[in-house]
């Protein structure tokens, strides 16, 4: 797999929920799921 500095963003209903740059690495599910749940509540 080439590259290590790609973009990884998660959007919900067109709004940014998570950016890889928030952690400096690709997220684990436990990093993103709470953010999604919070936005869906």
PDB file of N, CA and C in Angstrom:
ATOM      1  N   UNK A   1       0.843  -1.163   0.000  1.00  0.00           N
ATOM      2  CA  UNK A   1       0.000   0.000   0.000  1.00  0.00           C
ATOM      3  C   UNK A   1       0.893   1.232   0.000  1.00  0.00           C
ATOM      4  N   UNK A   2       0.665   2.098  -0.935  1.00  0.00           N
ATOM      5  CA  UNK A   2       1.507   3.286  -1.020  1.00  0.00           C
ATOM      6  C   UNK A   2       0.897   4.440  -0.249  1.00  0.00           C
ATOM      7  N   UNK A   3       1.735   5.305   0.180  1.00  0.00           N
ATOM      8  CA  UNK A   3       1.286   6.512   0.862  1.00  0.00           C
ATOM      9  C   UNK A   3       0.971   6.289   2.330  1.00  0.00           C
ATOM     10  N   UNK A   4       1.155   7.326   3.108  1.00  0.00           N
ATOM     11  CA  UNK A   4       0.871   7.244   4.536  1.00  0.00           C
ATOM     12  C   UNK A   4       0.235   8.533   5.037  1.00  0.00           C
ATOM     13  N   UNK A   5       0.136   9.532   4.196  1.00  0.00           N
ATOM     14  CA  UNK A   5      -0.343  10.834   4.630  1.00  0.00           C
ATOM     15  C   UNK A   5      -1.627  11.238   3.918  1.00  0.00           C
ATOM     16  N   UNK A   6      -2.446  10.257   3.565  1.00  0.00           N
ATOM     17  CA  UNK A   6      -3.673  10.547   2.847  1.00  0.00           C
ATOM     18  C   UNK A   6      -4.714  11.219   3.723  1.00  0.00           C
ATOM     19  N   UNK A   7      -5.769  11.659   3.070  1.00  0.00           N
ATOM     20  CA  UNK A   7      -6.875  12.309   3.754  1.00  0.00           C
ATOM     21  C   UNK A   7      -7.887  11.247   4.163  1.00  0.00           C
ATOM     22  N   UNK A   8      -8.410  11.355   5.361  1.00  0.00           N
ATOM     23  CA  UNK A   8      -9.471  10.467   5.832  1.00  0.00           C
ATOM     24  C   UNK A   8     -10.427  11.321   6.645  1.00  0.00           C
ATOM     25  N   UNK A   9     -11.567  11.616   6.063  1.00  0.00           N
ATOM     26  CA  UNK A   9     -12.587  12.421   6.729  1.00  0.00           C
ATOM     27  C   UNK A   9     -13.863  11.602   6.838  1.00  0.00           C
ATOM     28  N   UNK A  10     -14.606  11.824   7.904  1.00  0.00           N
ATOM     29  CA  UNK A  10     -15.908  11.193   8.090  1.00  0.00           C
ATOM     30  C   UNK A  10     -16.936  12.312   8.156  1.00  0.00           C
ATOM     31  N   UNK A  11     -17.958  12.205   7.310  1.00  0.00           N
ATOM     32  CA  UNK A  11     -19.027  13.195   7.258  1.00  0.00           C
ATOM     33  C   UNK A  11     -20.350  12.513   7.594  1.00  0.00           C
ATOM     34  N   UNK A  12     -21.232  13.243   8.241  1.00  0.00           N
ATOM     35  CA  UNK A  12     -22.585  12.776   8.526  1.00  0.00           C
ATOM     36  C   UNK A  12     -23.536  13.889   8.117  1.00  0.00           C
ATOM     37  N   UNK A  13     -24.429  13.578   7.210  1.00  0.00           N
ATOM     38  CA  UNK A  13     -25.371  14.578   6.688  1.00  0.00           C
ATOM     39  C   UNK A  13     -24.651  15.814   6.162  1.00  0.00           C
ATOM     40  N   UNK A  14     -23.524  15.596   5.505  1.00  0.00           N
ATOM     41  CA  UNK A  14     -22.789  16.689   4.897  1.00  0.00           C
ATOM     42  C   UNK A  14     -21.926  17.497   5.849  1.00  0.00           C
ATOM     43  N   UNK A  15     -21.904  17.116   7.121  1.00  0.00           N
ATOM     44  CA  UNK A  15     -21.099  17.854   8.106  1.00  0.00           C
ATOM     45  C   UNK A  15     -19.914  17.000   8.549  1.00  0.00           C
ATOM     46  N   UNK A  16     -18.773  17.650   8.676  1.00  0.00           N
ATOM     47  CA  UNK A  16     -17.553  16.963   9.082  1.00  0.00           C
ATOM     48  C   UNK A  16     -17.655  16.518  10.536  1.00  0.00           C
ATOM     49  N   UNK A  17     -17.404  15.232  10.766  1.00  0.00           N
ATOM     50  CA  UNK A  17     -17.443  14.660  12.111  1.00  0.00           C
ATOM     51  C   UNK A  17     -16.038  14.340  12.597  1.00  0.00           C
ATOM     52  N   UNK A  18     -15.199  13.882  11.686  1.00  0.00           N
ATOM     53  CA  UNK A  18     -13.852  13.453  12.068  1.00  0.00           C
ATOM     54  C   UNK A  18     -12.892  13.708  10.921  1.00  0.00           C
ATOM     55  N   UNK A  19     -11.678  14.150  11.264  1.00  0.00           N
ATOM     56  CA  UNK A  19     -10.564  14.271  10.316  1.00  0.00           C
ATOM     57  C   UNK A  19      -9.386  13.487  10.872  1.00  0.00           C
ATOM     58  N   UNK A  20      -8.690  12.794   9.993  1.00  0.00           N
ATOM     59  CA  UNK A  20      -7.512  12.041  10.429  1.00  0.00           C
ATOM     60  C   UNK A  20      -6.521  12.946  11.142  1.00  0.00           C
ATOM     61  N   UNK A  21      -6.453  14.190  10.745  1.00  0.00           N
ATOM     62  CA  UNK A  21      -5.495  15.113  11.356  1.00  0.00           C
ATOM     63  C   UNK A  21      -5.818  15.393  12.828  1.00  0.00           C
ATOM     64  N   UNK A  22      -7.047  15.061  13.275  1.00  0.00           N
ATOM     65  CA  UNK A  22      -7.393  15.249  14.688  1.00  0.00           C
ATOM     66  C   UNK A  22      -6.516  14.377  15.586  1.00  0.00           C
ATOM     67  N   UNK A  23      -6.194  13.162  15.100  1.00  0.00           N
ATOM     68  CA  UNK A  23      -5.383  12.233  15.885  1.00  0.00           C
ATOM     69  C   UNK A  23      -3.991  12.032  15.307  1.00  0.00           C
ATOM     70  N   UNK A  24      -3.798  12.440  14.071  1.00  0.00           N
ATOM     71  CA  UNK A  24      -2.519  12.213  13.408  1.00  0.00           C
ATOM     72  C   UNK A  24      -2.350  10.784  12.936  1.00  0.00           C
ATOM     73  N   UNK A  25      -3.447  10.051  12.869  1.00  0.00           N
ATOM     74  CA  UNK A  25      -3.419   8.657  12.409  1.00  0.00           C
ATOM     75  C   UNK A  25      -4.825   8.290  11.946  1.00  0.00           C
ATOM     76  N   UNK A  26      -4.925   7.147  11.293  1.00  0.00           N
ATOM     77  CA  UNK A  26      -6.245   6.657  10.926  1.00  0.00           C
ATOM     78  C   UNK A  26      -6.971   6.229  12.196  1.00  0.00           C
ATOM     79  N   UNK A  27      -8.271   6.448  12.265  1.00  0.00           N
ATOM     80  CA  UNK A  27      -8.998   6.159  13.499  1.00  0.00           C
ATOM     81  C   UNK A  27      -9.327   4.689  13.678  1.00  0.00           C
ATOM     82  N   UNK A  28      -9.506   4.320  14.925  1.00  0.00           N
ATOM     83  CA  UNK A  28     -10.113   3.044  15.277  1.00  0.00           C
ATOM     84  C   UNK A  28     -11.613   3.293  15.335  1.00  0.00           C
ATOM     85  N   UNK A  29     -12.451   2.253  15.223  1.00  0.00           N
ATOM     86  CA  UNK A  29     -13.893   2.466  15.333  1.00  0.00           C
ATOM     87  C   UNK A  29     -14.284   3.200  16.618  1.00  0.00           C
ATOM     88  N   UNK A  30     -13.585   2.920  17.705  1.00  0.00           N
ATOM     89  CA  UNK A  30     -13.906   3.567  18.983  1.00  0.00           C
ATOM     90  C   UNK A  30     -13.586   5.063  18.982  1.00  0.00           C
ATOM     91  N   UNK A  31     -12.822   5.515  18.020  1.00  0.00           N
ATOM     92  CA  UNK A  31     -12.530   6.941  17.902  1.00  0.00           C
ATOM     93  C   UNK A  31     -13.671   7.684  17.212  1.00  0.00           C
ATOM     94  N   UNK A  32     -14.331   7.031  16.274  1.00  0.00           N
ATOM     95  CA  UNK A  32     -15.330   7.690  15.437  1.00  0.00           C
ATOM     96  C   UNK A  32     -16.758   7.425  15.897  1.00  0.00           C
ATOM     97  N   UNK A  33     -17.048   6.217  16.335  1.00  0.00           N
ATOM     98  CA  UNK A  33     -18.429   5.869  16.695  1.00  0.00           C
ATOM     99  C   UNK A  33     -19.046   6.786  17.748  1.00  0.00           C
ATOM    100  N   UNK A  34     -18.327   7.148  18.822  1.00  0.00           N
ATOM    101  CA  UNK A  34     -18.935   8.082  19.784  1.00  0.00           C
ATOM    102  C   UNK A  34     -19.272   9.443  19.172  1.00  0.00           C
ATOM    103  N   UNK A  35     -18.444   9.899  18.245  1.00  0.00           N
ATOM    104  CA  UNK A  35     -18.713  11.180  17.585  1.00  0.00           C
ATOM    105  C   UNK A  35     -19.974  11.085  16.727  1.00  0.00           C
ATOM    106  N   UNK A  36     -20.130   9.961  16.037  1.00  0.00           N
ATOM    107  CA  UNK A  36     -21.333   9.764  15.212  1.00  0.00           C
ATOM    108  C   UNK A  36     -22.581   9.665  16.086  1.00  0.00           C
ATOM    109  N   UNK A  37     -22.476   8.917  17.165  1.00  0.00           N
ATOM    110  CA  UNK A  37     -23.627   8.771  18.075  1.00  0.00           C
ATOM    111  C   UNK A  37     -24.052  10.114  18.662  1.00  0.00           C
ATOM    112  N   UNK A  38     -23.067  10.917  19.019  1.00  0.00           N
ATOM    113  CA  UNK A  38     -23.332  12.252  19.587  1.00  0.00           C
ATOM    114  C   UNK A  38     -24.093  13.116  18.582  1.00  0.00           C
ATOM    115  N   UNK A  39     -23.667  13.072  17.328  1.00  0.00           N
ATOM    116  CA  UNK A  39     -24.302  13.893  16.293  1.00  0.00           C
ATOM    117  C   UNK A  39     -25.705  13.390  15.949  1.00  0.00           C
ATOM    118  N   UNK A  40     -25.933  12.073  16.113  1.00  0.00           N
ATOM    119  CA  UNK A  40     -27.230  11.496  15.759  1.00  0.00           C
ATOM    120  C   UNK A  40     -28.249  11.629  16.888  1.00  0.00           C
ATOM    121  N   UNK A  41     -27.792  11.958  18.094  1.00  0.00           N
ATOM    122  CA  UNK A  41     -28.705  12.051  19.242  1.00  0.00           C
ATOM    123  C   UNK A  41     -29.547  13.304  19.200  1.00  0.00           C
TER     124      UNK A  41
END
